[in-house]
Protein backbone atom coordinates (compact mmCIF):
# COMPACT_ATOMS: atom_id res chain seq x y z
CA MET A 1 109.47 -26.13 -28.82
CA THR A 2 112.39 -26.63 -26.33
CA VAL A 3 115.93 -25.39 -26.09
CA LEU A 4 118.82 -26.93 -24.19
CA SER A 5 121.64 -25.03 -22.58
CA PRO A 6 124.90 -26.21 -24.30
CA VAL A 7 126.86 -25.85 -20.99
CA ARG A 8 124.36 -27.98 -19.09
CA ALA A 9 123.82 -30.41 -22.00
CA TYR A 10 127.54 -31.40 -22.07
CA GLU A 11 127.97 -31.65 -18.28
CA HIS A 12 126.99 -35.36 -18.09
CA LYS A 13 127.19 -36.41 -21.59
CA TRP A 14 128.80 -39.74 -21.13
CA ILE A 15 126.24 -40.72 -18.48
CA VAL A 16 123.58 -39.62 -20.97
CA LEU A 17 125.15 -41.89 -23.53
CA VAL A 18 124.78 -44.78 -21.05
CA CYS A 19 121.18 -43.90 -20.53
CA VAL A 20 120.53 -44.01 -24.23
CA GLY A 21 122.67 -47.06 -24.56
CA ILE A 22 120.49 -49.06 -22.23
CA GLY A 23 117.28 -48.21 -24.04
CA THR A 24 119.00 -49.05 -27.39
CA PHE A 25 120.31 -52.32 -26.13
CA MET A 26 116.98 -53.38 -24.65
CA SER A 27 114.98 -52.61 -27.78
CA ALA A 28 117.48 -54.30 -30.02
CA LEU A 29 117.68 -57.29 -27.70
CA ASP A 30 113.83 -57.52 -27.73
CA ALA A 31 113.63 -57.23 -31.52
CA SER A 32 116.16 -60.02 -32.08
CA VAL A 33 114.77 -62.54 -29.60
CA ALA A 34 111.01 -62.41 -30.61
CA ASN A 35 111.62 -64.59 -33.68
CA ILE A 36 113.28 -67.28 -31.45
CA ILE A 37 110.31 -67.85 -29.29
CA LEU A 38 107.65 -68.05 -32.03
CA PRO A 39 107.64 -71.87 -32.39
CA VAL A 40 107.37 -72.26 -28.62
CA VAL A 41 104.52 -69.66 -28.33
CA SER A 42 102.67 -71.46 -31.12
CA ARG A 43 103.03 -74.86 -29.40
CA ASP A 44 101.98 -73.49 -25.88
CA PHE A 45 98.97 -71.65 -27.07
CA GLY A 46 98.12 -74.08 -29.80
CA ALA A 47 98.19 -71.17 -32.34
CA SER A 48 98.73 -71.44 -36.02
CA VAL A 49 101.99 -70.15 -37.51
CA THR A 50 100.07 -67.49 -39.33
CA THR A 51 98.61 -66.19 -36.15
CA VAL A 52 101.73 -66.30 -34.06
CA GLU A 53 103.72 -64.42 -36.84
CA TRP A 54 101.77 -61.29 -35.82
CA VAL A 55 103.70 -61.19 -32.51
CA VAL A 56 106.62 -59.93 -34.67
CA THR A 57 104.65 -58.28 -37.48
CA ILE A 58 102.47 -55.97 -35.36
CA TYR A 59 105.46 -54.80 -33.44
CA LEU A 60 107.28 -53.73 -36.54
CA VAL A 61 104.16 -52.03 -38.07
CA VAL A 62 103.19 -50.13 -35.06
CA VAL A 63 106.69 -48.87 -34.29
CA SER A 64 107.06 -47.58 -37.86
CA GLY A 65 103.70 -45.85 -37.94
CA TRP A 66 104.40 -43.90 -34.84
CA LEU A 67 107.92 -42.87 -35.16
CA LEU A 68 107.41 -39.50 -36.82
CA THR A 69 104.58 -38.56 -34.40
CA PHE A 70 106.73 -39.26 -31.28
CA GLY A 71 109.70 -37.45 -32.92
CA ARG A 72 107.61 -34.28 -33.47
CA LEU A 73 106.15 -34.57 -29.90
CA GLY A 74 109.71 -34.71 -28.59
CA ASP A 75 110.54 -31.46 -30.39
CA MET A 76 107.58 -29.82 -28.90
CA PHE A 77 107.49 -31.09 -25.35
CA GLY A 78 111.00 -32.34 -24.69
CA ASN A 79 112.85 -35.32 -25.94
CA LYS A 80 113.59 -36.48 -22.39
CA SER A 81 109.91 -36.56 -21.45
CA LEU A 82 109.02 -38.69 -24.37
CA TYR A 83 112.08 -40.90 -23.85
CA VAL A 84 111.37 -41.70 -20.22
CA THR A 85 107.67 -42.18 -20.82
CA GLY A 86 108.61 -44.60 -23.75
CA PHE A 87 110.89 -46.48 -21.31
CA GLY A 88 107.98 -46.84 -18.75
CA ILE A 89 105.56 -48.08 -21.34
CA PHE A 90 107.97 -50.57 -22.96
CA THR A 91 108.90 -51.89 -19.54
CA ALA A 92 105.28 -52.28 -18.28
CA SER A 93 104.34 -53.81 -21.53
CA SER A 94 107.16 -56.29 -21.32
CA LEU A 95 105.97 -57.51 -17.97
CA LEU A 96 102.39 -57.86 -19.19
CA ALA A 97 103.46 -59.65 -22.42
CA GLY A 98 105.32 -62.15 -20.28
CA LEU A 99 102.17 -62.74 -18.32
CA ALA A 100 99.91 -63.19 -21.32
CA LEU A 101 97.60 -66.17 -21.15
CA ASN A 102 96.85 -66.46 -24.88
CA VAL A 103 98.38 -65.42 -28.15
CA TYR A 104 95.85 -62.60 -28.75
CA VAL A 105 96.71 -61.04 -25.32
CA LEU A 106 100.40 -61.36 -26.24
CA ILE A 107 99.82 -59.58 -29.59
CA LEU A 108 97.88 -56.79 -27.76
CA PHE A 109 100.81 -56.09 -25.31
CA ARG A 110 103.19 -56.24 -28.24
CA VAL A 111 101.25 -53.21 -29.51
CA SER A 112 101.75 -51.19 -26.49
CA GLN A 113 105.38 -52.43 -26.29
CA ALA A 114 105.81 -51.06 -29.84
CA LEU A 115 104.44 -47.66 -28.78
CA GLY A 116 107.10 -47.40 -26.07
CA ALA A 117 109.83 -48.53 -28.47
CA ALA A 118 108.73 -45.87 -31.00
CA MET A 119 109.16 -43.18 -28.27
CA LEU A 120 112.74 -44.57 -27.61
CA PHE A 121 113.78 -44.87 -31.20
CA SER A 122 112.53 -41.45 -32.31
CA ASN A 123 114.11 -39.51 -29.40
CA SER A 124 117.43 -41.23 -28.57
CA PRO A 125 119.43 -39.79 -31.52
CA ALA A 126 118.03 -36.31 -30.82
CA ILE A 127 119.12 -36.67 -27.18
CA LEU A 128 122.65 -37.63 -28.12
CA THR A 129 122.89 -34.87 -30.71
CA LYS A 130 121.84 -32.27 -28.22
CA ASN A 131 124.04 -33.49 -25.42
CA PHE A 132 127.32 -33.90 -27.33
CA PRO A 133 129.28 -31.22 -29.19
CA ALA A 134 129.35 -31.51 -32.97
CA GLU A 135 133.04 -32.63 -32.89
CA GLN A 136 132.02 -35.68 -30.81
CA ARG A 137 128.62 -36.48 -32.39
CA GLY A 138 129.99 -39.24 -34.64
CA GLN A 139 131.62 -40.96 -31.66
CA ALA A 140 128.41 -40.76 -29.55
CA LEU A 141 126.26 -42.14 -32.38
CA GLY A 142 128.85 -44.88 -33.05
CA LEU A 143 128.79 -46.09 -29.51
CA GLN A 144 125.09 -46.08 -29.56
CA ALA A 145 125.21 -48.22 -32.78
CA THR A 146 127.57 -50.52 -30.89
CA MET A 147 124.82 -51.15 -28.31
CA THR A 148 122.37 -51.95 -30.98
CA TYR A 149 124.58 -54.54 -32.68
CA LEU A 150 125.47 -55.94 -29.16
CA GLY A 151 121.69 -56.42 -28.49
CA LEU A 152 121.28 -58.04 -31.92
CA THR A 153 124.32 -60.31 -31.41
CA VAL A 154 123.41 -61.61 -27.85
CA GLY A 155 119.68 -61.66 -28.36
CA PRO A 156 119.17 -64.96 -30.17
CA SER A 157 121.51 -66.94 -28.02
CA LEU A 158 120.25 -65.29 -24.74
CA GLY A 159 116.60 -65.75 -25.89
CA GLY A 160 117.28 -69.50 -26.73
CA TRP A 161 118.88 -69.94 -23.37
CA LEU A 162 116.13 -68.30 -21.32
CA THR A 163 113.45 -70.24 -23.22
CA GLU A 164 115.22 -73.54 -22.64
CA GLN A 165 116.10 -72.91 -19.01
CA PHE A 166 112.89 -71.23 -17.98
CA SER A 167 110.21 -70.46 -20.65
CA TRP A 168 109.47 -67.96 -23.39
CA HIS A 169 107.91 -65.69 -20.72
CA ALA A 170 111.43 -65.02 -19.45
CA VAL A 171 112.40 -63.36 -22.77
CA PHE A 172 109.97 -60.54 -21.85
CA PHE A 173 110.56 -60.56 -18.07
CA ILE A 174 114.32 -59.90 -18.74
CA ASN A 175 113.32 -56.39 -19.98
CA VAL A 176 111.88 -55.38 -16.62
CA PRO A 177 115.05 -55.00 -14.56
CA ILE A 178 116.91 -53.48 -17.46
CA GLY A 179 113.98 -51.06 -18.03
CA LEU A 180 113.70 -49.97 -14.48
CA LEU A 181 117.45 -49.27 -14.34
CA GLY A 182 117.12 -47.23 -17.63
CA ILE A 183 114.14 -45.34 -16.32
CA LEU A 184 115.90 -44.27 -13.04
CA MET A 185 119.11 -43.28 -14.95
CA ALA A 186 117.28 -41.37 -17.65
CA ALA A 187 115.23 -39.46 -15.22
CA ARG A 188 118.19 -38.51 -13.13
CA PHE A 189 120.89 -37.77 -15.68
CA ILE A 190 119.37 -36.67 -19.01
CA PRO A 191 119.06 -32.88 -18.76
CA ARG A 192 115.56 -31.49 -19.13
CA GLU A 193 115.17 -28.96 -21.94
CA THR A 194 113.79 -25.50 -21.18
CA ARG A 195 110.76 -24.19 -23.13
CA SER A 196 111.41 -21.46 -25.62
CA ALA A 197 109.02 -18.56 -25.99
CA ARG A 198 107.69 -19.74 -29.41
CA ARG A 199 104.75 -22.24 -29.15
CA GLU A 200 103.80 -24.60 -31.92
CA ARG A 201 100.68 -26.61 -32.43
CA PHE A 202 100.63 -30.30 -33.03
CA ASP A 203 99.57 -31.29 -36.63
CA ILE A 204 96.86 -33.94 -35.63
CA LEU A 205 95.67 -34.49 -39.23
CA GLY A 206 99.27 -34.97 -40.51
CA ALA A 207 99.93 -37.45 -37.71
CA ILE A 208 96.77 -39.42 -38.59
CA LEU A 209 97.54 -39.52 -42.26
CA PHE A 210 101.09 -40.54 -41.91
CA THR A 211 100.33 -43.26 -39.30
CA ILE A 212 97.55 -44.79 -41.46
CA GLY A 213 99.64 -44.57 -44.65
CA MET A 214 102.72 -46.20 -43.05
CA ILE A 215 100.76 -48.94 -41.58
CA ALA A 216 99.05 -49.67 -44.85
CA LEU A 217 102.29 -49.74 -46.68
CA LEU A 218 104.09 -51.92 -44.33
CA LEU A 219 101.28 -54.42 -44.08
CA ALA A 220 101.31 -54.71 -47.85
CA LEU A 221 105.07 -55.12 -47.98
CA ASN A 222 105.12 -57.56 -44.94
CA GLN A 223 102.23 -59.73 -45.99
CA GLY A 224 102.40 -59.41 -49.77
CA ALA A 225 104.23 -62.71 -50.26
CA GLU A 226 101.55 -64.59 -48.20
CA TRP A 227 98.48 -62.88 -49.59
CA GLY A 228 99.86 -62.70 -53.09
CA TRP A 229 101.48 -59.49 -54.64
CA THR A 230 98.62 -59.06 -57.10
CA SER A 231 95.91 -59.99 -54.71
CA PRO A 232 93.08 -57.37 -54.28
CA LEU A 233 93.97 -56.81 -50.62
CA THR A 234 97.76 -56.24 -51.31
CA LEU A 235 97.05 -54.03 -54.31
CA GLY A 236 94.41 -52.16 -52.28
CA LEU A 237 96.76 -51.41 -49.50
CA PHE A 238 99.47 -50.23 -51.80
CA THR A 239 96.98 -47.92 -53.65
CA GLY A 240 95.49 -46.72 -50.35
CA ALA A 241 98.96 -45.89 -48.95
CA MET A 242 100.01 -43.89 -52.04
CA ILE A 243 96.76 -41.89 -51.90
CA ILE A 244 97.11 -41.28 -48.16
CA PHE A 245 100.76 -40.19 -48.51
CA GLY A 246 99.74 -37.82 -51.30
CA ALA A 247 97.22 -36.29 -48.99
CA PHE A 248 99.75 -36.15 -46.09
CA ILE A 249 102.23 -34.10 -48.35
CA ALA A 250 99.44 -31.78 -49.41
CA VAL A 251 98.43 -31.17 -45.78
CA GLU A 252 102.16 -30.71 -44.75
CA ARG A 253 102.72 -28.04 -47.44
CA ARG A 254 99.83 -26.03 -46.20
CA SER A 255 100.35 -26.46 -42.44
CA GLU A 256 101.90 -23.61 -40.33
CA PHE A 257 103.29 -26.20 -37.89
CA PRO A 258 103.70 -29.42 -40.04
CA MET A 259 104.25 -32.94 -38.64
CA LEU A 260 107.07 -33.35 -41.16
CA ASP A 261 109.04 -30.40 -42.12
CA LEU A 262 109.38 -30.95 -45.90
CA ALA A 263 112.04 -28.12 -46.01
CA LEU A 264 114.42 -30.76 -44.42
CA PHE A 265 114.39 -32.72 -47.73
CA ARG A 266 115.46 -29.60 -49.64
CA VAL A 267 118.86 -30.09 -47.93
CA ARG A 268 120.60 -32.62 -50.17
CA LEU A 269 122.71 -33.94 -47.27
CA PHE A 270 119.53 -34.85 -45.37
CA SER A 271 117.58 -36.31 -48.23
CA ALA A 272 120.59 -38.30 -49.60
CA SER A 273 121.48 -39.73 -46.08
CA THR A 274 117.95 -40.74 -45.53
CA ALA A 275 117.63 -42.60 -48.92
CA THR A 276 121.00 -44.22 -48.41
CA ALA A 277 120.15 -45.36 -44.89
CA MET A 278 117.00 -47.03 -46.25
CA MET A 279 119.10 -48.73 -49.02
CA ASN A 280 121.51 -50.04 -46.45
CA TYR A 281 118.78 -51.70 -44.41
CA ILE A 282 117.20 -53.17 -47.55
CA CYS A 283 120.49 -54.96 -48.14
CA LEU A 284 120.99 -56.07 -44.51
CA TYR A 285 117.48 -57.53 -44.17
CA MET A 286 117.86 -59.37 -47.51
CA ILE A 287 120.86 -61.05 -45.83
CA ILE A 288 118.93 -61.69 -42.56
CA PHE A 289 115.98 -63.18 -44.40
CA LEU A 290 117.91 -65.37 -46.97
CA LEU A 291 120.87 -66.83 -45.08
CA PRO A 292 118.91 -68.91 -42.66
CA PHE A 293 117.21 -70.65 -45.62
CA TYR A 294 120.61 -71.22 -47.22
CA LEU A 295 122.24 -72.50 -44.03
CA ILE A 296 119.34 -74.62 -42.62
CA GLN A 297 117.41 -75.84 -45.58
CA GLY A 298 120.17 -75.85 -48.24
CA ARG A 299 123.23 -76.93 -46.21
CA GLY A 300 121.60 -78.80 -43.30
CA TYR A 301 123.08 -76.73 -40.41
CA SER A 302 121.28 -76.82 -37.04
CA PRO A 303 119.58 -73.58 -36.06
CA GLN A 304 122.14 -73.19 -33.28
CA ASP A 305 125.17 -73.68 -35.72
CA ALA A 306 123.42 -71.37 -38.21
CA GLY A 307 122.97 -68.68 -35.46
CA LEU A 308 126.62 -68.92 -34.52
CA ILE A 309 127.63 -68.38 -38.31
CA LEU A 310 125.39 -65.36 -38.52
CA THR A 311 126.89 -63.56 -35.57
CA ALA A 312 130.00 -62.82 -37.77
CA GLN A 313 128.34 -59.86 -39.20
CA PRO A 314 127.16 -57.96 -36.12
CA LEU A 315 130.41 -58.87 -34.22
CA ILE A 316 132.42 -56.97 -36.85
CA MET A 317 129.85 -54.01 -36.73
CA ILE A 318 130.28 -53.74 -32.92
CA PHE A 319 133.95 -52.70 -33.45
CA ALA A 320 133.63 -50.93 -36.77
CA ALA A 321 130.80 -48.59 -35.97
CA PRO A 322 132.40 -46.54 -32.93
CA LEU A 323 135.79 -46.40 -34.75
CA SER A 324 134.07 -45.00 -37.87
CA GLY A 325 132.17 -42.60 -35.74
CA ILE A 326 135.43 -41.22 -34.16
CA LEU A 327 137.11 -40.97 -37.54
CA SER A 328 134.16 -39.21 -39.07
CA ASP A 329 134.36 -36.53 -36.36
CA ARG A 330 137.78 -35.73 -37.82
CA ILE A 331 137.50 -36.18 -41.69
CA GLY A 332 133.73 -35.82 -42.28
CA SER A 333 131.09 -38.42 -43.25
CA ARG A 334 131.02 -38.41 -46.95
CA ILE A 335 134.12 -40.53 -47.64
CA LEU A 336 133.45 -43.03 -44.92
CA ALA A 337 129.70 -43.54 -45.74
CA THR A 338 130.52 -43.97 -49.46
CA LEU A 339 133.37 -46.41 -48.61
CA GLY A 340 131.11 -48.44 -46.23
CA MET A 341 128.38 -48.93 -48.98
CA THR A 342 131.06 -49.80 -51.46
CA ILE A 343 132.43 -52.55 -49.19
CA LEU A 344 128.86 -53.74 -48.50
CA ALA A 345 128.29 -54.14 -52.21
CA GLY A 346 131.50 -56.18 -52.52
CA GLY A 347 130.52 -58.33 -49.62
CA LEU A 348 127.09 -59.06 -51.33
CA ILE A 349 128.75 -60.03 -54.63
CA TRP A 350 130.93 -62.34 -52.63
CA LEU A 351 127.84 -63.94 -50.85
CA ALA A 352 126.14 -64.34 -54.18
CA ARG A 353 128.85 -67.01 -55.00
CA LEU A 354 127.69 -69.36 -52.21
CA GLY A 355 126.76 -72.81 -53.36
CA ALA A 356 126.34 -76.40 -52.36
CA GLU A 357 130.10 -76.84 -51.59
CA SER A 358 130.86 -73.63 -49.77
CA SER A 359 132.85 -74.07 -46.66
CA VAL A 360 132.14 -72.26 -43.41
CA SER A 361 134.99 -69.82 -44.04
CA ASP A 362 133.35 -69.07 -47.52
CA ILE A 363 130.31 -67.96 -45.61
CA VAL A 364 131.76 -66.24 -42.59
CA ILE A 365 134.35 -64.13 -44.42
CA PRO A 366 131.95 -62.28 -46.79
CA LEU A 367 129.59 -61.82 -43.86
CA ALA A 368 132.42 -60.20 -41.96
CA VAL A 369 132.94 -57.92 -44.98
CA VAL A 370 129.26 -57.04 -44.93
CA GLY A 371 129.53 -56.29 -41.29
CA LEU A 372 132.60 -54.14 -41.88
CA GLY A 373 130.95 -52.14 -44.61
CA THR A 374 127.79 -51.52 -42.64
CA GLY A 375 129.79 -50.65 -39.47
CA ILE A 376 131.79 -48.10 -41.49
CA PHE A 377 128.62 -46.66 -43.08
CA VAL A 378 126.04 -46.45 -40.45
CA THR A 379 127.63 -43.95 -37.91
CA PRO A 380 128.93 -41.28 -40.26
CA ASN A 381 125.57 -41.42 -42.23
CA ASN A 382 123.51 -41.06 -39.12
CA SER A 383 125.77 -38.28 -37.87
CA ALA A 384 125.45 -36.38 -41.16
CA LEU A 385 121.73 -36.75 -41.18
CA MET A 386 121.18 -35.50 -37.68
CA GLY A 387 123.73 -32.71 -38.17
CA SER A 388 122.01 -31.45 -41.31
CA ALA A 389 118.62 -30.81 -39.31
CA PRO A 390 118.19 -27.62 -37.18
CA ARG A 391 118.31 -28.10 -33.43
CA GLN A 392 114.56 -27.59 -33.04
CA ARG A 393 113.92 -30.34 -35.61
CA GLN A 394 116.06 -32.97 -34.10
CA GLY A 395 113.11 -35.09 -33.06
CA ILE A 396 111.65 -35.10 -36.56
CA ALA A 397 115.21 -35.97 -38.03
CA ALA A 398 115.39 -38.95 -35.62
CA GLY A 399 111.94 -39.98 -36.46
CA VAL A 400 112.78 -39.87 -40.20
CA LEU A 401 116.01 -41.83 -39.65
CA ALA A 402 114.20 -44.50 -37.70
CA ALA A 403 111.31 -44.72 -40.34
CA ALA A 404 113.97 -45.10 -43.04
CA ARG A 405 115.44 -47.92 -41.12
CA ASN A 406 112.13 -49.76 -40.57
CA VAL A 407 110.86 -49.20 -44.06
CA GLY A 408 114.20 -50.58 -45.36
CA MET A 409 113.86 -53.63 -43.12
CA VAL A 410 110.38 -54.44 -44.53
CA LEU A 411 111.38 -53.71 -48.11
CA GLY A 412 114.42 -55.96 -47.70
CA VAL A 413 112.33 -58.88 -46.48
CA GLY A 414 109.67 -58.36 -49.06
CA LEU A 415 112.09 -57.99 -51.93
CA ALA A 416 114.09 -61.05 -50.99
CA GLY A 417 110.97 -63.11 -50.40
CA ALA A 418 109.67 -61.99 -53.85
CA ILE A 419 112.99 -62.82 -55.70
CA PHE A 420 113.48 -66.06 -53.84
CA SER A 421 109.91 -67.38 -54.51
CA THR A 422 110.07 -66.27 -58.14
CA VAL A 423 113.41 -67.86 -59.01
CA ALA A 424 112.76 -70.98 -57.00
CA GLY A 425 109.34 -71.32 -58.48
CA ALA A 426 110.56 -71.11 -61.92
CA SER A 427 112.87 -74.10 -61.46
CA SER A 428 112.41 -77.66 -60.05
CA ALA A 429 116.21 -78.33 -60.08
CA PRO A 430 117.90 -79.33 -56.82
CA ASP A 431 119.98 -76.21 -56.91
CA ALA A 432 116.98 -73.82 -57.22
CA LEU A 433 117.56 -72.60 -53.66
CA TYR A 434 121.19 -71.64 -54.51
CA ALA A 435 120.03 -69.94 -57.60
CA SER A 436 117.53 -67.86 -55.58
CA VAL A 437 120.18 -66.85 -53.01
CA THR A 438 122.53 -65.95 -55.83
CA ALA A 439 119.99 -63.64 -57.69
CA SER A 440 118.78 -61.95 -54.47
CA PHE A 441 122.31 -61.17 -53.28
CA LEU A 442 123.23 -59.69 -56.73
CA VAL A 443 120.11 -57.47 -56.62
CA ALA A 444 121.15 -56.41 -53.13
CA ALA A 445 124.67 -55.60 -54.45
CA GLY A 446 123.18 -53.38 -57.06
CA ILE A 447 121.15 -51.55 -54.33
CA ALA A 448 124.33 -51.11 -52.29
CA ALA A 449 126.16 -49.77 -55.29
CA LEU A 450 123.32 -47.23 -55.88
CA GLY A 451 123.65 -46.26 -52.22
CA ALA A 452 127.27 -45.58 -52.58
CA LEU A 453 126.53 -43.40 -55.50
CA THR A 454 123.89 -41.34 -53.55
CA SER A 455 126.31 -41.10 -50.63
CA ALA A 456 129.17 -39.90 -53.01
CA VAL A 457 127.11 -37.09 -54.55
CA ARG A 458 125.35 -35.78 -51.45
């Protein structure tokens, strides 16, 4: 376990924020551009769509499975050490992925890239929390969120431009100079924690159980629509995941030094913030999954025009997140987080009204409302979650937060896909696509409303 001197921690706090921001931007950029290159990768390698989809799927699954492990290792051996190591692995893997000669090698290096990303995701909030005083924690996490949304915003257009001007390989090569800069800055400016007298052992069995359980769950959620939700493979993965998670909880209860400190979930602020974060990402990824179908298949927009319309949401989030973070440092997180989820629910109800004759403004304005609600919610909620965990459990708290985000992403896509295919399959009418979108967004609005409730009572 490690302890950081408060005086030293706050000395270079803004430079530390830049170091973390570079890693956040790079990982968000990489996540948002990967989908853009899939058709080109499929063509160049002569690979099927089913095969090439694993370029994205394997990254998400591996990141999610290792978040908690790397968060715990960060608590034990120092968040800086894990963060810099993750930067190095991610950068090197990006270079190797860009040099891949077939799709299977590309998928392999996406696995190692995901391991590096998991180290970055699970330690960056802990680094910020330790290097900023409590009265500025919301501001710091808000600015980090801005870097995330900036990466998500510029990713698709930058990825498309790089692919068109050079090749899909350039999408991975762009990470190398950014990564090298981030490694040098993180090694130089992030303070190194000093070891405390108390030594803790790493819970190997807990790490193995959690990783296997998370991978099984996310594979079932991610591939359930393709395999069939009632297929033996999907049901087997769901059942296996539940059994493994049950064994994980039993092991953690008996462990002297658990992988996941279950006592954290006895703190209502921590557990409610975690649950609400997951619900927020379910809603967001239902939108991300559904709107391209509506815009391109339903309305006939080009991919470029559709991408431009979709930037309305993250653009608003870029400005809302840091302002909400600053405000949460003054008035607390509860009111803002609840308000954000309420606005998100309203935006989803508005989106549910989209139809065959909706104008561009009818699409962009509710998307902007969704971005406003999410931007108001995310930073105060993250600040509350991190602030409710003890200093020596900041890595675990960051891992839990990142895991909630990733599980919410996969649940959102899986739920949207299930509703979409069920409603569309039950009707052969021309407006079946619009009915599917309406039903999905109404369900998402209900989830957002539930999130507002859990936030209000926390």
